[in-house]
Amino acid sequence: MFSIGDKVVYPMHGAGIIEEIETRKILDEARDYYIMKISFGDMKVMIPVDNSEAIGVRNIVSEEVISEVVTELGEDESEMSDNWNKRYRDNMEKLKSGDIHQVAEVVRNLMRSEKRKGLSTGERKMLQNARQILTSEIILVRGVVLEEAESIVSAAVFKK
């Protein structure tokens, strides 16, 4: 169970801080919810406490892990399917995993692909979401602003 003030990651939304834990009655059922503020912007997310583990909510990673991820962003692209539909599904599974290494892999591959040949609308939206997830965690771990986190990612992906 998490507490108010904990820094956590909610897969597909990104990292934030639990601001409240409150009970809400929805469809005549009272449940406890974490109210999480995403680390940039004004977005707040309600996460059912009793379902948070199954959803994949986790604590943010350490600075050491962020350093590993930044290094991984500069590595060669991993192999992706030529079939757009399969590639999209594979990338979506990586994002849903909540694993920061897999999220970074999606960001790296799509950023480079976009620069080379452009992306479809669906993959462009996926890249935007993946970058948000990754940069939101960098913001909380390193204590930087959004622009600096985005700069860290771009510099690492295109360092060559």
Foldseek 3Di string as FASTA:
>chain_A
DDDFQFWKAQQLQAIFTFHDWDWDQDPNDTFIWGWTAQQDDGDIDTHTPVCRVVQPIDGFDAPVVLVVLLLLLQDDQDDADPDPVRRLVVLVVLRSNLDLNSLSNLLLVLVVCCVVPRDDPSSVVVNVSSLSRNLSSVCVNVVDDSVVSSVSSVCSSPVD
